[in-house]
């Protein structure tokens, strides 16, 4: 059941996060949205409310542990509980390793790995104490296979894959009834390519996406499906992409 579930979404200001927020609100969930761009969050919350849904937001930098704790507290203070956290924030400034774009490497590690860890750390005590909860993350097909130009991005997404599998196993061992889902999207129409500064890598990615990309609401549908499963059922991994893209 999605109706009346309290769902936190990070990276909620565009793309997959925005599409998921609107879809879940439409199905009766109560949304708590986090991202860095306040104007975008304000607009999405306004759109949801106009359609009769419930949503609030907080400007959130996932690399800051305190911001993660604050958004979990906001959800509890406003709606009395947290049922789901969708850790969706991510960056993909791909480049060849030999370009040594170490600043971009560190940005990806901070957002794509530490951002997920910060979200888990913020919500896990609540989920354990209430003996229920659902942690959902956005990995990537780059978390399943290697791609030239994507060494560090892929490394962060492989890390998320391992982290989430261990969270699933430990939660089962501890009988905490916490569900997990990791999504591995291929070419989805989002702002992800905007962070690529290497011209050749950017051109290759743009050509690929122009040919294949599908809309982010396709991923939102998958998130909805995962949440909608019975509480005793965990669908742990989803690889999702365009039918005609050979990944």
C-alpha atoms as a PDB file:
ATOM      1  CA  UNK A   1       0.000   0.000   0.000  1.00  0.00           C
ATOM      2  CA  UNK A   2       1.321   3.430  -0.983  1.00  0.00           C
ATOM      3  CA  UNK A   3      -1.549   5.482   0.455  1.00  0.00           C
ATOM      4  CA  UNK A   4      -0.648   7.382   3.647  1.00  0.00           C
ATOM      5  CA  UNK A   5       2.989   6.236   3.600  1.00  0.00           C
ATOM      6  CA  UNK A   6       5.471   8.956   4.549  1.00  0.00           C
ATOM      7  CA  UNK A   7       8.227   9.044   1.924  1.00  0.00           C
ATOM      8  CA  UNK A   8      11.454  11.074   2.023  1.00  0.00           C
ATOM      9  CA  UNK A   9      13.105  11.671  -1.368  1.00  0.00           C
ATOM     10  CA  UNK A  10      16.567  13.174  -1.832  1.00  0.00           C
ATOM     11  CA  UNK A  11      17.630  14.548  -5.200  1.00  0.00           C
ATOM     12  CA  UNK A  12      13.960  15.511  -5.470  1.00  0.00           C
ATOM     13  CA  UNK A  13      14.250  18.746  -7.459  1.00  0.00           C
ATOM     14  CA  UNK A  14      14.236  17.211 -10.966  1.00  0.00           C
ATOM     15  CA  UNK A  15      14.356  14.014 -12.985  1.00  0.00           C
ATOM     16  CA  UNK A  16      13.694  10.734 -11.198  1.00  0.00           C
ATOM     17  CA  UNK A  17      13.173  12.391  -7.812  1.00  0.00           C
ATOM     18  CA  UNK A  18      10.571  14.847  -9.092  1.00  0.00           C
ATOM     19  CA  UNK A  19       8.741  12.218 -11.151  1.00  0.00           C
ATOM     20  CA  UNK A  20       8.647   9.824  -8.193  1.00  0.00           C
ATOM     21  CA  UNK A  21       7.391  12.516  -5.807  1.00  0.00           C
ATOM     22  CA  UNK A  22       4.500  13.380  -8.124  1.00  0.00           C
ATOM     23  CA  UNK A  23       3.562   9.765  -8.803  1.00  0.00           C
ATOM     24  CA  UNK A  24       3.585   8.759  -5.128  1.00  0.00           C
ATOM     25  CA  UNK A  25       1.674  11.890  -4.080  1.00  0.00           C
ATOM     26  CA  UNK A  26      -0.915  11.019  -6.698  1.00  0.00           C
ATOM     27  CA  UNK A  27      -1.303   7.614  -5.027  1.00  0.00           C
ATOM     28  CA  UNK A  28      -1.840   9.166  -1.596  1.00  0.00           C
ATOM     29  CA  UNK A  29       1.649   9.132  -0.085  1.00  0.00           C
ATOM     30  CA  UNK A  30       2.892  12.028   2.051  1.00  0.00           C
ATOM     31  CA  UNK A  31       6.097  13.434   0.570  1.00  0.00           C
ATOM     32  CA  UNK A  32       9.096  15.027   2.247  1.00  0.00           C
ATOM     33  CA  UNK A  33      11.391  16.372  -0.472  1.00  0.00           C
ATOM     34  CA  UNK A  34      15.066  17.253  -0.170  1.00  0.00           C
ATOM     35  CA  UNK A  35      17.488  18.852  -2.649  1.00  0.00           C
ATOM     36  CA  UNK A  36      19.728  21.893  -2.875  1.00  0.00           C
ATOM     37  CA  UNK A  37      17.585  24.061  -5.196  1.00  0.00           C
ATOM     38  CA  UNK A  38      14.840  25.663  -3.135  1.00  0.00           C
ATOM     39  CA  UNK A  39      13.005  27.260  -6.058  1.00  0.00           C
ATOM     40  CA  UNK A  40      12.599  23.861  -7.727  1.00  0.00           C
ATOM     41  CA  UNK A  41      11.418  22.234  -4.483  1.00  0.00           C
ATOM     42  CA  UNK A  42       8.889  25.031  -3.915  1.00  0.00           C
ATOM     43  CA  UNK A  43       7.461  24.530  -7.406  1.00  0.00           C
ATOM     44  CA  UNK A  44       7.162  20.745  -7.049  1.00  0.00           C
ATOM     45  CA  UNK A  45       5.469  21.016  -3.639  1.00  0.00           C
ATOM     46  CA  UNK A  46       3.107  23.633  -5.098  1.00  0.00           C
ATOM     47  CA  UNK A  47       2.278  21.333  -8.058  1.00  0.00           C
ATOM     48  CA  UNK A  48       1.592  18.407  -5.721  1.00  0.00           C
ATOM     49  CA  UNK A  49      -0.666  20.484  -3.467  1.00  0.00           C
ATOM     50  CA  UNK A  50      -2.600  21.849  -6.457  1.00  0.00           C
ATOM     51  CA  UNK A  51      -3.330  18.251  -7.427  1.00  0.00           C
ATOM     52  CA  UNK A  52      -4.636  17.516  -3.919  1.00  0.00           C
ATOM     53  CA  UNK A  53      -1.512  15.803  -2.608  1.00  0.00           C
ATOM     54  CA  UNK A  54       0.525  16.315   0.570  1.00  0.00           C
ATOM     55  CA  UNK A  55       4.157  17.429   0.395  1.00  0.00           C
ATOM     56  CA  UNK A  56       6.721  19.501   2.270  1.00  0.00           C
ATOM     57  CA  UNK A  57      10.361  20.230   1.539  1.00  0.00           C
ATOM     58  CA  UNK A  58      13.681  21.062   3.132  1.00  0.00           C
ATOM     59  CA  UNK A  59      16.778  22.386   1.360  1.00  0.00           C
ATOM     60  CA  UNK A  60      19.152  19.451   1.783  1.00  0.00           C
ATOM     61  CA  UNK A  61      22.794  18.784   0.999  1.00  0.00           C
ATOM     62  CA  UNK A  62      23.123  14.992   1.241  1.00  0.00           C
ATOM     63  CA  UNK A  63      26.863  15.317   1.943  1.00  0.00           C
ATOM     64  CA  UNK A  64      26.016  16.982   5.276  1.00  0.00           C
ATOM     65  CA  UNK A  65      25.019  14.394   7.932  1.00  0.00           C
ATOM     66  CA  UNK A  66      23.100  17.057   9.862  1.00  0.00           C
ATOM     67  CA  UNK A  67      20.927  17.908   6.844  1.00  0.00           C
ATOM     68  CA  UNK A  68      19.992  14.229   6.544  1.00  0.00           C
ATOM     69  CA  UNK A  69      19.078  14.052  10.222  1.00  0.00           C
ATOM     70  CA  UNK A  70      16.997  17.230   9.895  1.00  0.00           C
ATOM     71  CA  UNK A  71      14.909  15.942   6.992  1.00  0.00           C
ATOM     72  CA  UNK A  72      14.138  12.709   8.861  1.00  0.00           C
ATOM     73  CA  UNK A  73      13.128  14.776  11.910  1.00  0.00           C
ATOM     74  CA  UNK A  74      10.993  17.046   9.710  1.00  0.00           C
ATOM     75  CA  UNK A  75       9.109  14.015   8.398  1.00  0.00           C
ATOM     76  CA  UNK A  76       8.485  12.738  11.933  1.00  0.00           C
ATOM     77  CA  UNK A  77       7.494  16.162  13.289  1.00  0.00           C
ATOM     78  CA  UNK A  78       5.086  16.814  10.408  1.00  0.00           C
ATOM     79  CA  UNK A  79       3.612  13.409   9.664  1.00  0.00           C
ATOM     80  CA  UNK A  80       4.468  11.419  12.818  1.00  0.00           C
ATOM     81  CA  UNK A  81       6.563   8.725  11.141  1.00  0.00           C
ATOM     82  CA  UNK A  82       8.791   7.740   8.219  1.00  0.00           C
ATOM     83  CA  UNK A  83       7.966   4.713   6.075  1.00  0.00           C
ATOM     84  CA  UNK A  84      10.308   5.066   3.093  1.00  0.00           C
ATOM     85  CA  UNK A  85      13.505   6.914   2.242  1.00  0.00           C
ATOM     86  CA  UNK A  86      14.467   7.119  -1.438  1.00  0.00           C
ATOM     87  CA  UNK A  87      18.153   8.059  -1.620  1.00  0.00           C
ATOM     88  CA  UNK A  88      18.246   9.341  -5.150  1.00  0.00           C
ATOM     89  CA  UNK A  89      20.748  12.233  -5.233  1.00  0.00           C
ATOM     90  CA  UNK A  90      23.655  11.586  -7.606  1.00  0.00           C
ATOM     91  CA  UNK A  91      26.313  13.129  -9.870  1.00  0.00           C
ATOM     92  CA  UNK A  92      27.958  11.718 -13.014  1.00  0.00           C
ATOM     93  CA  UNK A  93      30.837  13.940 -14.216  1.00  0.00           C
ATOM     94  CA  UNK A  94      32.472  11.115 -16.168  1.00  0.00           C
ATOM     95  CA  UNK A  95      35.946  11.398 -17.721  1.00  0.00           C
ATOM     96  CA  UNK A  96      38.948   9.184 -18.492  1.00  0.00           C
ATOM     97  CA  UNK A  97      41.031   8.430 -15.403  1.00  0.00           C
ATOM     98  CA  UNK A  98      44.111   9.843 -17.164  1.00  0.00           C
ATOM     99  CA  UNK A  99      42.502  13.304 -17.128  1.00  0.00           C
ATOM    100  CA  UNK A 100      42.938  13.231 -13.336  1.00  0.00           C
ATOM    101  CA  UNK A 101      39.794  15.228 -12.565  1.00  0.00           C
ATOM    102  CA  UNK A 102      40.280  14.462  -8.894  1.00  0.00           C
ATOM    103  CA  UNK A 103      37.936  17.206  -7.690  1.00  0.00           C
ATOM    104  CA  UNK A 104      35.123  15.583  -9.665  1.00  0.00           C
ATOM    105  CA  UNK A 105      36.101  12.139  -8.336  1.00  0.00           C
ATOM    106  CA  UNK A 106      35.720  13.436  -4.796  1.00  0.00           C
ATOM    107  CA  UNK A 107      32.380  15.111  -5.577  1.00  0.00           C
ATOM    108  CA  UNK A 108      31.013  11.785  -6.824  1.00  0.00           C
ATOM    109  CA  UNK A 109      32.290   9.926  -3.766  1.00  0.00           C
ATOM    110  CA  UNK A 110      30.769  12.556  -1.462  1.00  0.00           C
ATOM    111  CA  UNK A 111      27.328  12.594  -3.085  1.00  0.00           C
ATOM    112  CA  UNK A 112      26.936   9.091  -4.505  1.00  0.00           C
ATOM    113  CA  UNK A 113      28.387   7.092  -1.592  1.00  0.00           C
ATOM    114  CA  UNK A 114      28.550   9.337   1.460  1.00  0.00           C
ATOM    115  CA  UNK A 115      25.169  10.847   0.604  1.00  0.00           C
ATOM    116  CA  UNK A 116      23.607   7.381   0.698  1.00  0.00           C
ATOM    117  CA  UNK A 117      25.444   6.479   3.905  1.00  0.00           C
ATOM    118  CA  UNK A 118      24.325   9.729   5.536  1.00  0.00           C
ATOM    119  CA  UNK A 119      20.712   9.011   4.629  1.00  0.00           C
ATOM    120  CA  UNK A 120      20.905   5.471   5.985  1.00  0.00           C
ATOM    121  CA  UNK A 121      22.551   6.672   9.200  1.00  0.00           C
ATOM    122  CA  UNK A 122      19.835   9.303   9.673  1.00  0.00           C
ATOM    123  CA  UNK A 123      16.875   6.975   9.178  1.00  0.00           C
ATOM    124  CA  UNK A 124      18.077   3.581  10.453  1.00  0.00           C
ATOM    125  CA  UNK A 125      17.497   4.233  14.186  1.00  0.00           C
ATOM    126  CA  UNK A 126      13.866   5.169  13.420  1.00  0.00           C
ATOM    127  CA  UNK A 127      13.332   2.151  11.171  1.00  0.00           C
ATOM    128  CA  UNK A 128      14.879  -0.205  13.734  1.00  0.00           C
ATOM    129  CA  UNK A 129      12.835   1.173  16.629  1.00  0.00           C
ATOM    130  CA  UNK A 130       9.545   0.944  14.711  1.00  0.00           C
ATOM    131  CA  UNK A 131      10.552  -2.433  13.216  1.00  0.00           C
ATOM    132  CA  UNK A 132       9.592  -1.377   9.714  1.00  0.00           C
ATOM    133  CA  UNK A 133      10.843   0.827   6.908  1.00  0.00           C
ATOM    134  CA  UNK A 134      12.004   0.813   3.316  1.00  0.00           C
ATOM    135  CA  UNK A 135      15.359   2.074   1.994  1.00  0.00           C
ATOM    136  CA  UNK A 136      15.437   2.626  -1.786  1.00  0.00           C
ATOM    137  CA  UNK A 137      18.491   3.825  -3.715  1.00  0.00           C
ATOM    138  CA  UNK A 138      19.339   4.839  -7.251  1.00  0.00           C
ATOM    139  CA  UNK A 139      22.440   3.012  -8.441  1.00  0.00           C
ATOM    140  CA  UNK A 140      23.012   2.658 -12.215  1.00  0.00           C
ATOM    141  CA  UNK A 141      23.738   0.058 -14.852  1.00  0.00           C
ATOM    142  CA  UNK A 142      27.261   1.393 -14.209  1.00  0.00           C
ATOM    143  CA  UNK A 143      26.893  -0.360 -10.843  1.00  0.00           C
ATOM    144  CA  UNK A 144      26.536  -3.673 -12.690  1.00  0.00           C
ATOM    145  CA  UNK A 145      29.138  -3.420 -15.460  1.00  0.00           C
ATOM    146  CA  UNK A 146      32.197  -1.332 -16.329  1.00  0.00           C
ATOM    147  CA  UNK A 147      32.263   1.464 -18.910  1.00  0.00           C
ATOM    148  CA  UNK A 148      35.311   3.427 -20.195  1.00  0.00           C
ATOM    149  CA  UNK A 149      35.105   6.969 -18.867  1.00  0.00           C
ATOM    150  CA  UNK A 150      32.992   5.863 -15.934  1.00  0.00           C
ATOM    151  CA  UNK A 151      35.561   4.428 -13.535  1.00  0.00           C
ATOM    152  CA  UNK A 152      34.820   6.588 -10.489  1.00  0.00           C
ATOM    153  CA  UNK A 153      31.094   6.962 -11.152  1.00  0.00           C
ATOM    154  CA  UNK A 154      30.877   3.194 -11.611  1.00  0.00           C
ATOM    155  CA  UNK A 155      32.914   2.599  -8.463  1.00  0.00           C
ATOM    156  CA  UNK A 156      30.445   4.705  -6.459  1.00  0.00           C
ATOM    157  CA  UNK A 157      27.490   2.843  -7.923  1.00  0.00           C
ATOM    158  CA  UNK A 158      29.067  -0.586  -7.311  1.00  0.00           C
ATOM    159  CA  UNK A 159      29.602   0.572  -3.732  1.00  0.00           C
ATOM    160  CA  UNK A 160      25.891   1.370  -3.392  1.00  0.00           C
ATOM    161  CA  UNK A 161      25.069  -2.078  -4.745  1.00  0.00           C
ATOM    162  CA  UNK A 162      27.181  -3.816  -2.087  1.00  0.00           C
ATOM    163  CA  UNK A 163      26.057  -1.505   0.699  1.00  0.00           C
ATOM    164  CA  UNK A 164      22.383  -2.115  -0.019  1.00  0.00           C
ATOM    165  CA  UNK A 165      22.783  -5.883  -0.267  1.00  0.00           C
ATOM    166  CA  UNK A 166      24.480  -5.979   3.134  1.00  0.00           C
ATOM    167  CA  UNK A 167      21.777  -3.711   4.585  1.00  0.00           C
ATOM    168  CA  UNK A 168      19.172  -6.180   3.305  1.00  0.00           C
ATOM    169  CA  UNK A 169      21.000  -9.159   4.811  1.00  0.00           C
ATOM    170  CA  UNK A 170      21.680  -7.529   8.179  1.00  0.00           C
ATOM    171  CA  UNK A 171      18.104  -6.264   8.455  1.00  0.00           C
ATOM    172  CA  UNK A 172      16.836  -9.789   7.808  1.00  0.00           C
ATOM    173  CA  UNK A 173      19.227 -11.230  10.424  1.00  0.00           C
ATOM    174  CA  UNK A 174      18.122  -8.618  12.963  1.00  0.00           C
ATOM    175  CA  UNK A 175      14.400  -9.184  12.212  1.00  0.00           C
ATOM    176  CA  UNK A 176      13.959  -5.435  11.863  1.00  0.00           C
ATOM    177  CA  UNK A 177      11.538  -5.897   8.910  1.00  0.00           C
ATOM    178  CA  UNK A 178      13.384  -3.230   6.900  1.00  0.00           C
ATOM    179  CA  UNK A 179      12.957  -3.642   3.162  1.00  0.00           C
ATOM    180  CA  UNK A 180      15.480  -2.513   0.547  1.00  0.00           C
ATOM    181  CA  UNK A 181      15.433  -1.833  -3.175  1.00  0.00           C
ATOM    182  CA  UNK A 182      18.289  -0.809  -5.457  1.00  0.00           C
ATOM    183  CA  UNK A 183      17.462   0.517  -8.921  1.00  0.00           C
ATOM    184  CA  UNK A 184      19.938   0.296 -11.807  1.00  0.00           C
ATOM    185  CA  UNK A 185      18.722   2.726 -14.497  1.00  0.00           C
ATOM    186  CA  UNK A 186      20.189   2.882 -17.986  1.00  0.00           C
ATOM    187  CA  UNK A 187      19.531   5.949 -20.216  1.00  0.00           C
ATOM    188  CA  UNK A 188      16.872   8.004 -18.444  1.00  0.00           C
ATOM    189  CA  UNK A 189      16.054  11.610 -19.434  1.00  0.00           C
ATOM    190  CA  UNK A 190      17.362  13.593 -16.451  1.00  0.00           C
ATOM    191  CA  UNK A 191      19.907  16.348 -15.722  1.00  0.00           C
ATOM    192  CA  UNK A 192      22.635  13.760 -15.019  1.00  0.00           C
ATOM    193  CA  UNK A 193      24.694  14.573 -18.132  1.00  0.00           C
ATOM    194  CA  UNK A 194      24.892  18.262 -17.234  1.00  0.00           C
ATOM    195  CA  UNK A 195      27.779  17.641 -14.820  1.00  0.00           C
ATOM    196  CA  UNK A 196      30.138  16.124 -17.437  1.00  0.00           C
ATOM    197  CA  UNK A 197      32.981  18.585 -18.116  1.00  0.00           C
ATOM    198  CA  UNK A 198      35.089  16.363 -20.406  1.00  0.00           C
ATOM    199  CA  UNK A 199      33.985  17.291 -23.942  1.00  0.00           C
ATOM    200  CA  UNK A 200      34.523  13.919 -25.631  1.00  0.00           C
ATOM    201  CA  UNK A 201      32.821  12.031 -22.807  1.00  0.00           C
ATOM    202  CA  UNK A 202      29.929  14.513 -22.799  1.00  0.00           C
ATOM    203  CA  UNK A 203      29.452  14.191 -26.584  1.00  0.00           C
ATOM    204  CA  UNK A 204      29.410  10.389 -26.393  1.00  0.00           C
ATOM    205  CA  UNK A 205      26.903  10.403 -23.531  1.00  0.00           C
ATOM    206  CA  UNK A 206      24.668  12.960 -25.238  1.00  0.00           C
ATOM    207  CA  UNK A 207      24.600  10.973 -28.492  1.00  0.00           C
ATOM    208  CA  UNK A 208      23.718   7.793 -26.573  1.00  0.00           C
ATOM    209  CA  UNK A 209      20.975   9.459 -24.552  1.00  0.00           C
ATOM    210  CA  UNK A 210      19.542  11.295 -27.567  1.00  0.00           C
ATOM    211  CA  UNK A 211      19.134   7.945 -29.283  1.00  0.00           C
ATOM    212  CA  UNK A 212      17.692   5.880 -26.423  1.00  0.00           C
ATOM    213  CA  UNK A 213      16.550   7.816 -23.342  1.00  0.00           C
ATOM    214  CA  UNK A 214      13.151   7.230 -21.747  1.00  0.00           C
ATOM    215  CA  UNK A 215      11.352   9.501 -19.295  1.00  0.00           C
ATOM    216  CA  UNK A 216      12.036   9.473 -15.533  1.00  0.00           C
ATOM    217  CA  UNK A 217       8.457   8.502 -14.723  1.00  0.00           C
ATOM    218  CA  UNK A 218       9.443   4.995 -15.890  1.00  0.00           C
ATOM    219  CA  UNK A 219      11.705   4.780 -12.831  1.00  0.00           C
ATOM    220  CA  UNK A 220       9.011   6.356 -10.651  1.00  0.00           C
ATOM    221  CA  UNK A 221       6.718   3.467 -11.641  1.00  0.00           C
ATOM    222  CA  UNK A 222       9.343   1.004 -10.395  1.00  0.00           C
ATOM    223  CA  UNK A 223       9.696   2.815  -7.063  1.00  0.00           C
ATOM    224  CA  UNK A 224       5.934   2.704  -6.691  1.00  0.00           C
ATOM    225  CA  UNK A 225       5.897  -1.018  -7.477  1.00  0.00           C
ATOM    226  CA  UNK A 226       8.558  -1.725  -4.827  1.00  0.00           C
ATOM    227  CA  UNK A 227       6.717   0.222  -2.131  1.00  0.00           C
ATOM    228  CA  UNK A 228       3.371  -1.314  -3.057  1.00  0.00           C
ATOM    229  CA  UNK A 229       4.490  -4.890  -2.326  1.00  0.00           C
ATOM    230  CA  UNK A 230       3.176  -6.578   0.839  1.00  0.00           C
ATOM    231  CA  UNK A 231       5.304  -5.819   3.916  1.00  0.00           C
ATOM    232  CA  UNK A 232       6.590  -9.403   4.020  1.00  0.00           C
ATOM    233  CA  UNK A 233       7.887  -9.180   0.430  1.00  0.00           C
ATOM    234  CA  UNK A 234      11.145  -7.522  -0.599  1.00  0.00           C
ATOM    235  CA  UNK A 235      11.944  -6.952  -4.280  1.00  0.00           C
ATOM    236  CA  UNK A 236      15.575  -6.070  -3.864  1.00  0.00           C
ATOM    237  CA  UNK A 237      16.922  -5.094  -7.298  1.00  0.00           C
ATOM    238  CA  UNK A 238      15.558  -3.572 -10.500  1.00  0.00           C
ATOM    239  CA  UNK A 239      17.545  -3.082 -13.714  1.00  0.00           C
ATOM    240  CA  UNK A 240      15.543  -0.648 -15.844  1.00  0.00           C
ATOM    241  CA  UNK A 241      16.222   0.981 -19.185  1.00  0.00           C
ATOM    242  CA  UNK A 242      15.008   1.605 -22.712  1.00  0.00           C
ATOM    243  CA  UNK A 243      13.850  -1.524 -24.518  1.00  0.00           C
ATOM    244  CA  UNK A 244      16.080  -0.725 -27.497  1.00  0.00           C
ATOM    245  CA  UNK A 245      19.241   0.252 -25.618  1.00  0.00           C
ATOM    246  CA  UNK A 246      21.845  -2.546 -25.529  1.00  0.00           C
ATOM    247  CA  UNK A 247      23.307  -1.169 -22.239  1.00  0.00           C
END
